[in-house]
C-alpha atoms as a PDB file:
ATOM      1  CA  MET A   1      34.123   1.359 -12.431  1.00  0.00           C
ATOM      2  CA  SER A   2      34.855  -0.953  -9.527  1.00  0.00           C
ATOM      3  CA  LYS A   3      33.610  -4.516  -9.297  1.00  0.00           C
ATOM      4  CA  ALA A   4      31.211  -3.512  -6.522  1.00  0.00           C
ATOM      5  CA  GLN A   5      29.626  -0.764  -8.627  1.00  0.00           C
ATOM      6  CA  ARG A   6      29.162  -2.823 -11.785  1.00  0.00           C
ATOM      7  CA  PRO A   7      26.227  -5.007 -10.545  1.00  0.00           C
ATOM      8  CA  LEU A   8      24.418  -1.926  -9.242  1.00  0.00           C
ATOM      9  CA  TYR A   9      24.950  -0.116 -12.528  1.00  0.00           C
ATOM     10  CA  LEU A  10      23.679  -3.092 -14.546  1.00  0.00           C
ATOM     11  CA  PHE A  11      20.672  -3.420 -12.245  1.00  0.00           C
ATOM     12  CA  LEU A  12      19.790   0.258 -12.696  1.00  0.00           C
ATOM     13  CA  VAL A  13      20.122   0.030 -16.475  1.00  0.00           C
ATOM     14  CA  ALA A  14      17.878  -3.059 -16.511  1.00  0.00           C
ATOM     15  CA  VAL A  15      15.267  -1.321 -14.351  1.00  0.00           C
ATOM     16  CA  VAL A  16      15.252   1.759 -16.577  1.00  0.00           C
ATOM     17  CA  LEU A  17      14.883  -0.345 -19.722  1.00  0.00           C
ATOM     18  CA  LEU A  18      12.095  -2.458 -18.235  1.00  0.00           C
ATOM     19  CA  ASN A  19      10.296   0.652 -17.011  1.00  0.00           C
ATOM     20  CA  THR A  20      10.597   2.217 -20.458  1.00  0.00           C
ATOM     21  CA  LEU A  21       9.089  -0.874 -22.087  1.00  0.00           C
ATOM     22  CA  LEU A  22       6.231  -1.053 -19.591  1.00  0.00           C
ATOM     23  CA  TRP A  23       5.374   2.645 -19.918  1.00  0.00           C
ATOM     24  CA  LEU A  24       6.332   3.247 -23.558  1.00  0.00           C
ATOM     25  CA  ASP A  25       2.834   4.373 -24.539  1.00  0.00           C
ATOM     26  CA  SER A  26       2.718   6.936 -21.732  1.00  0.00           C
ATOM     27  CA  PHE A  27       6.241   8.076 -22.537  1.00  0.00           C
ATOM     28  CA  ASP A  28       5.211   8.522 -26.181  1.00  0.00           C
ATOM     29  CA  ARG A  29       2.224  10.659 -25.158  1.00  0.00           C
ATOM     30  CA  TYR A  30       4.439  12.732 -22.854  1.00  0.00           C
ATOM     31  CA  LEU A  31       7.036  13.359 -25.560  1.00  0.00           C
ATOM     32  CA  SER A  32       4.300  14.172 -28.034  1.00  0.00           C
ATOM     33  CA  SER A  33       2.603  16.732 -25.825  1.00  0.00           C
ATOM     34  CA  ARG A  34       5.757  18.279 -24.367  1.00  0.00           C
ATOM     35  CA  TYR A  35       8.264  18.204 -27.215  1.00  0.00           C
ATOM     36  CA  HIS A  36       6.145  17.326 -30.273  1.00  0.00           C
ATOM     37  CA  ILE A  37       8.126  14.121 -30.803  1.00  0.00           C
ATOM     38  CA  THR A  38       6.200  10.954 -31.567  1.00  0.00           C
ATOM     39  CA  LEU A  39       7.853   7.611 -30.994  1.00  0.00           C
ATOM     40  CA  SER A  40       4.836   5.845 -32.448  1.00  0.00           C
ATOM     41  CA  ALA A  41       5.672   7.337 -35.853  1.00  0.00           C
ATOM     42  CA  THR A  42       9.036   5.579 -35.916  1.00  0.00           C
ATOM     43  CA  LEU A  43       8.582   2.477 -33.764  1.00  0.00           C
ATOM     44  CA  PRO A  44       6.491  -0.491 -34.909  1.00  0.00           C
ATOM     45  CA  GLU A  45       3.056  -0.939 -33.349  1.00  0.00           C
ATOM     46  CA  ARG A  46       4.064  -4.187 -31.658  1.00  0.00           C
ATOM     47  CA  ALA A  47       6.648  -2.282 -29.567  1.00  0.00           C
ATOM     48  CA  PHE A  48       3.742  -0.709 -27.694  1.00  0.00           C
ATOM     49  CA  ALA A  49       1.906  -3.996 -27.026  1.00  0.00           C
ATOM     50  CA  LEU A  50       3.454  -4.688 -23.611  1.00  0.00           C
ATOM     51  CA  SER A  51       2.885  -1.106 -22.498  1.00  0.00           C
ATOM     52  CA  ARG A  52      -0.774  -1.168 -23.503  1.00  0.00           C
ATOM     53  CA  GLN A  53      -1.328  -4.557 -21.867  1.00  0.00           C
ATOM     54  CA  THR A  54       0.217  -3.213 -18.665  1.00  0.00           C
ATOM     55  CA  GLN A  55      -2.056  -0.171 -18.727  1.00  0.00           C
ATOM     56  CA  ASP A  56      -5.112  -2.343 -19.402  1.00  0.00           C
ATOM     57  CA  LEU A  57      -4.181  -4.588 -16.476  1.00  0.00           C
ATOM     58  CA  ILE A  58      -3.745  -1.610 -14.141  1.00  0.00           C
ATOM     59  CA  THR A  59      -7.100  -0.181 -15.245  1.00  0.00           C
ATOM     60  CA  HIS A  60      -8.789  -3.533 -14.634  1.00  0.00           C
ATOM     61  CA  VAL A  61      -7.259  -3.856 -11.159  1.00  0.00           C
ATOM     62  CA  GLN A  62      -8.325  -0.305 -10.293  1.00  0.00           C
ATOM     63  CA  GLN A  63     -11.892  -1.037 -11.372  1.00  0.00           C
ATOM     64  CA  LEU A  64     -12.006  -4.244  -9.332  1.00  0.00           C
ATOM     65  CA  THR A  65     -10.556  -2.473  -6.308  1.00  0.00           C
ATOM     66  CA  SER A  66     -13.090   0.340  -6.607  1.00  0.00           C
ATOM     67  CA  ALA A  67     -15.957  -2.137  -6.880  1.00  0.00           C
ATOM     68  CA  LYS A  68     -14.767  -4.023  -3.783  1.00  0.00           C
ATOM     69  CA  LEU A  69     -14.393  -0.785  -1.828  1.00  0.00           C
ATOM     70  CA  VAL A  70     -17.925   0.230  -2.739  1.00  0.00           C
ATOM     71  CA  GLN A  71     -19.185  -3.152  -1.519  1.00  0.00           C
ATOM     72  CA  PHE A  72     -17.310  -2.787   1.773  1.00  0.00           C
ATOM     73  CA  VAL A  73     -18.680   0.726   2.283  1.00  0.00           C
ATOM     74  CA  LYS A  74     -22.230  -0.490   1.641  1.00  0.00           C
ATOM     75  CA  ILE A  75     -21.773  -3.386   4.070  1.00  0.00           C
ATOM     76  CA  GLY A  76     -20.279  -1.033   6.654  1.00  0.00           C
ATOM     77  CA  ARG A  77     -23.143   1.447   6.331  1.00  0.00           C
ATOM     78  CA  ALA A  78     -25.739  -1.319   6.612  1.00  0.00           C
ATOM     79  CA  SER A  79     -23.976  -2.649   9.698  1.00  0.00           C
ATOM     80  CA  CYS A  80     -23.938   0.811  11.288  1.00  0.00           C
ATOM     81  CA  ARG A  81     -27.629   1.329  10.518  1.00  0.00           C
ATOM     82  CA  GLU A  82     -28.482  -2.005  12.135  1.00  0.00           C
ATOM     83  CA  ARG A  83     -26.579  -1.071  15.272  1.00  0.00           C
ATOM     84  CA  VAL A  84     -28.220   2.340  15.504  1.00  0.00           C
ATOM     85  CA  SER A  85     -31.751   1.103  14.814  1.00  0.00           C
ATOM     86  CA  SER A  86     -31.639  -1.957  17.071  1.00  0.00           C
ATOM     87  CA  PRO A  87     -32.788  -1.407  20.667  1.00  0.00           C
ATOM     88  CA  VAL A  88     -30.196  -1.940  23.337  1.00  0.00           C
END
């Protein structure tokens, strides 16, 4: 491996490992449903903590985003109704 390839290789390995840690719970469910292998049977519960916190955070952000979108749609509809109902 050349000196130019080594940093890229290390970066890719780090990204894969970080991604595995962040999505370990999902990866466990995938392996369980597809290959009947459960990581949660062999790994300690605390190994899944970061993954579950990440999923909880994503769920929370999605809920907030959905709520804001609903508010914007309601405001937009009310604005359109006012324009249509007001005489020119």
